[in-house]
Amino acid sequence: MKGFTRTETRFSLCGLNCALCSMHLGGYCPGCGGGAGNQSCAIAKCSLEHGGVQFCWECQEYPCLRYEGFDDGDSFVPHRNRRQDIARARELGMESYLSQLEEKRAILDALLEGYNDGRRKTFFNTAVYLLPLEELQSVMAALGSRPELTEYPIQERALAAVGLLQEAADRRGIGLKRSKK
């Protein structure tokens, strides 16, 4: 969209963690305002109409009607944590929040590099997106405490990682399947 730019492309206008999005990871979308990505986004247009706010919560009208039903379905990114992520970013401040987001991104990169058998990218992406950082750190510590895994075929390593992530999600009552509208 002409005239729309943002300096922060890891966390979207509407509260999605672009840094963890599979489309962003694959180089298909630079995040809102980061270039040739989804520039036709209605929320980006709204931002321009409201003085170019960098995050929707900076707008006096937030939350507005644009958010009605927004969290009911997932696309490339799970939308279910959006409100929590906005609240956390506001509470911690963007710098601290983005630091934690980078830690989650490093965990996602490690999972994709060491445990992806070619069929787990979406699962790992969703798990890292939805699980709290502390749970993810615990899962990675558990995987790290099993040095024998490095000798296992990739499919067995993938199953070990998936099992630990699913257990963590179950403990928290978090469903790792995408929600469809």
Protein backbone atom coordinates (compact mmCIF):
# COMPACT_ATOMS: atom_id res chain seq x y z
CA MET A 1 0.00 0.00 0.00
CA LYS A 2 1.46 3.32 -1.06
CA GLY A 3 2.81 5.36 1.84
CA PHE A 4 2.63 2.57 4.40
CA THR A 5 5.88 1.60 6.08
CA ARG A 6 6.88 0.28 9.49
CA THR A 7 10.21 0.00 11.21
CA GLU A 8 9.28 -3.09 13.25
CA THR A 9 8.37 -6.10 11.10
CA ARG A 10 8.72 -8.86 13.72
CA PHE A 11 5.46 -7.92 15.46
CA SER A 12 2.52 -6.86 13.32
CA LEU A 13 0.13 -3.93 13.62
CA CYS A 14 -2.61 -6.25 14.83
CA GLY A 15 -0.49 -8.24 17.29
CA LEU A 16 0.68 -11.24 15.31
CA ASN A 17 4.25 -12.45 15.82
CA CYS A 18 5.55 -12.18 12.27
CA ALA A 19 9.00 -13.38 13.36
CA LEU A 20 7.45 -16.81 14.01
CA CYS A 21 5.18 -16.94 10.98
CA SER A 22 5.89 -19.71 8.48
CA MET A 23 5.27 -17.29 5.59
CA HIS A 24 7.79 -14.83 7.05
CA LEU A 25 10.30 -17.63 7.72
CA GLY A 26 9.95 -18.85 4.15
CA GLY A 27 10.62 -15.38 2.74
CA TYR A 28 7.12 -15.08 1.28
CA CYS A 29 6.05 -12.14 3.45
CA PRO A 30 8.22 -9.45 5.01
CA GLY A 31 5.61 -8.59 7.64
CA CYS A 32 3.25 -5.66 7.46
CA GLY A 33 4.95 -2.62 6.08
CA GLY A 34 8.20 -4.40 5.40
CA GLY A 35 8.08 -4.36 1.64
CA ALA A 36 6.11 -6.22 -0.96
CA GLY A 37 4.16 -8.40 1.51
CA ASN A 38 0.45 -8.13 2.24
CA GLN A 39 0.20 -4.44 1.48
CA SER A 40 -3.53 -4.69 0.82
CA CYS A 41 -4.14 -5.42 4.52
CA ALA A 42 -7.23 -3.56 5.75
CA ILE A 43 -5.53 -2.94 9.08
CA ALA A 44 -2.57 -1.28 7.33
CA LYS A 45 -5.01 1.00 5.51
CA CYS A 46 -6.69 1.75 8.83
CA SER A 47 -3.30 2.61 10.35
CA LEU A 48 -2.73 5.20 7.63
CA GLU A 49 -6.21 6.63 8.22
CA HIS A 50 -5.39 6.99 11.93
CA GLY A 51 -2.08 8.82 11.62
CA GLY A 52 0.22 5.89 10.86
CA VAL A 53 0.10 4.16 14.25
CA GLN A 54 2.77 1.44 14.49
CA PHE A 55 0.57 -0.87 16.59
CA CYS A 56 -3.23 -0.95 16.74
CA TRP A 57 -3.27 -0.58 20.51
CA GLU A 58 -1.82 2.92 20.06
CA CYS A 59 -5.09 3.96 18.38
CA GLN A 60 -7.81 5.54 20.53
CA GLU A 61 -10.39 3.32 18.84
CA TYR A 62 -8.65 0.03 19.78
CA PRO A 63 -10.11 -2.54 19.98
CA CYS A 64 -12.40 -1.75 17.09
CA LEU A 65 -14.83 -3.66 14.88
CA ARG A 66 -11.96 -4.90 12.70
CA TYR A 67 -11.15 -7.34 15.49
CA GLU A 68 -14.61 -8.94 15.55
CA GLY A 69 -14.06 -12.62 14.73
CA PHE A 70 -10.37 -12.02 14.06
CA ASP A 71 -9.26 -14.75 16.45
CA ASP A 72 -11.83 -17.35 15.35
CA GLY A 73 -9.59 -18.93 12.74
CA ASP A 74 -5.92 -19.35 11.97
CA SER A 75 -4.15 -18.75 8.69
CA PHE A 76 -0.40 -19.18 8.45
CA VAL A 77 -0.10 -17.99 12.04
CA PRO A 78 -2.23 -19.00 15.01
CA HIS A 79 -4.35 -15.99 15.95
CA ARG A 80 -5.33 -17.32 19.39
CA ASN A 81 -2.53 -15.60 21.34
CA ARG A 82 -2.82 -12.23 19.65
CA ARG A 83 -4.57 -10.46 22.53
CA GLN A 84 -2.23 -12.04 25.08
CA ASP A 85 0.79 -11.09 22.98
CA ILE A 86 -0.39 -7.48 22.71
CA ALA A 87 -0.92 -7.34 26.48
CA ARG A 88 2.51 -8.86 27.09
CA ALA A 89 4.22 -6.45 24.67
CA ARG A 90 2.54 -3.50 26.37
CA GLU A 91 3.42 -4.80 29.85
CA LEU A 92 7.08 -5.61 29.12
CA GLY A 93 7.74 -2.89 26.57
CA MET A 94 8.55 -3.65 22.95
CA GLU A 95 12.28 -4.11 23.46
CA SER A 96 11.88 -6.78 26.15
CA TYR A 97 9.02 -8.43 24.31
CA LEU A 98 11.00 -8.59 21.07
CA SER A 99 13.95 -10.04 22.97
CA GLN A 100 11.73 -12.89 24.16
CA LEU A 101 10.36 -13.25 20.65
CA GLU A 102 13.92 -13.65 19.37
CA GLU A 103 14.50 -16.40 21.96
CA LYS A 104 11.42 -18.18 20.66
CA ARG A 105 12.68 -17.72 17.10
CA ALA A 106 16.03 -19.32 18.06
CA ILE A 107 14.16 -22.28 19.53
CA LEU A 108 12.08 -22.60 16.36
CA ASP A 109 15.24 -22.48 14.25
CA ALA A 110 16.83 -25.21 16.41
CA LEU A 111 13.74 -27.41 16.10
CA LEU A 112 13.61 -26.96 12.34
CA GLU A 113 17.32 -27.62 11.96
CA GLY A 114 17.71 -30.61 14.27
CA TYR A 115 14.30 -32.25 14.52
CA ASN A 116 12.34 -31.57 11.34
CA ASP A 117 11.86 -34.70 9.29
CA GLY A 118 10.30 -32.68 6.48
CA ARG A 119 6.80 -33.04 7.91
CA ARG A 120 6.95 -30.96 11.12
CA LYS A 121 7.46 -27.35 10.10
CA THR A 122 3.84 -26.35 10.71
CA PHE A 123 3.68 -28.26 13.99
CA PHE A 124 6.92 -26.75 15.31
CA ASN A 125 5.86 -23.30 14.14
CA THR A 126 2.49 -23.58 15.88
CA ALA A 127 3.97 -25.01 19.09
CA VAL A 128 6.58 -22.26 19.36
CA TYR A 129 3.99 -19.64 18.59
CA LEU A 130 1.49 -20.82 21.20
CA LEU A 131 3.60 -22.21 24.04
CA PRO A 132 5.11 -19.87 26.63
CA LEU A 133 8.86 -19.32 26.40
CA GLU A 134 9.45 -21.15 29.70
CA GLU A 135 7.78 -24.31 28.37
CA LEU A 136 9.81 -24.15 25.18
CA GLN A 137 13.03 -23.73 27.15
CA SER A 138 12.07 -26.76 29.24
CA VAL A 139 11.42 -28.84 26.12
CA MET A 140 14.76 -27.83 24.62
CA ALA A 141 16.55 -28.66 27.89
CA ALA A 142 14.88 -32.09 27.91
CA LEU A 143 15.96 -32.70 24.31
CA GLY A 144 19.46 -31.49 25.15
CA SER A 145 19.69 -33.90 28.07
CA ARG A 146 19.36 -36.79 25.63
CA PRO A 147 22.65 -36.74 23.68
CA GLU A 148 21.84 -40.15 22.22
CA LEU A 149 19.19 -38.45 20.06
CA THR A 150 21.93 -37.13 17.78
CA GLU A 151 22.60 -40.73 16.73
CA TYR A 152 18.93 -41.47 15.99
CA PRO A 153 17.39 -41.17 12.53
CA ILE A 154 15.70 -37.83 11.93
CA GLN A 155 12.23 -39.39 12.13
CA GLU A 156 12.90 -40.58 15.70
CA ARG A 157 14.35 -37.21 16.70
CA ALA A 158 11.25 -35.54 15.25
CA LEU A 159 8.95 -37.84 17.22
CA ALA A 160 10.85 -37.12 20.45
CA ALA A 161 10.52 -33.35 19.93
CA VAL A 162 6.86 -33.61 18.92
CA GLY A 163 6.11 -35.75 21.98
CA LEU A 164 7.68 -33.27 24.40
CA LEU A 165 5.99 -30.28 22.77
CA GLN A 166 2.62 -32.04 22.79
CA GLU A 167 3.04 -32.93 26.49
CA ALA A 168 3.83 -29.29 27.27
CA ALA A 169 0.76 -28.15 25.33
CA ASP A 170 -1.45 -30.72 27.05
CA ARG A 171 -0.26 -29.57 30.50
CA ARG A 172 -1.31 -26.02 29.60
CA GLY A 173 -4.53 -27.01 27.84
CA ILE A 174 -3.25 -25.63 24.53
CA GLY A 175 -4.43 -27.23 21.30
CA LEU A 176 -1.73 -27.33 18.65
CA LYS A 177 -4.06 -27.89 15.71
CA ARG A 178 -4.92 -24.82 13.65
CA SER A 179 -8.44 -23.44 14.08
CA LYS A 180 -10.41 -23.18 10.86
CA LYS A 181 -13.27 -20.69 10.41
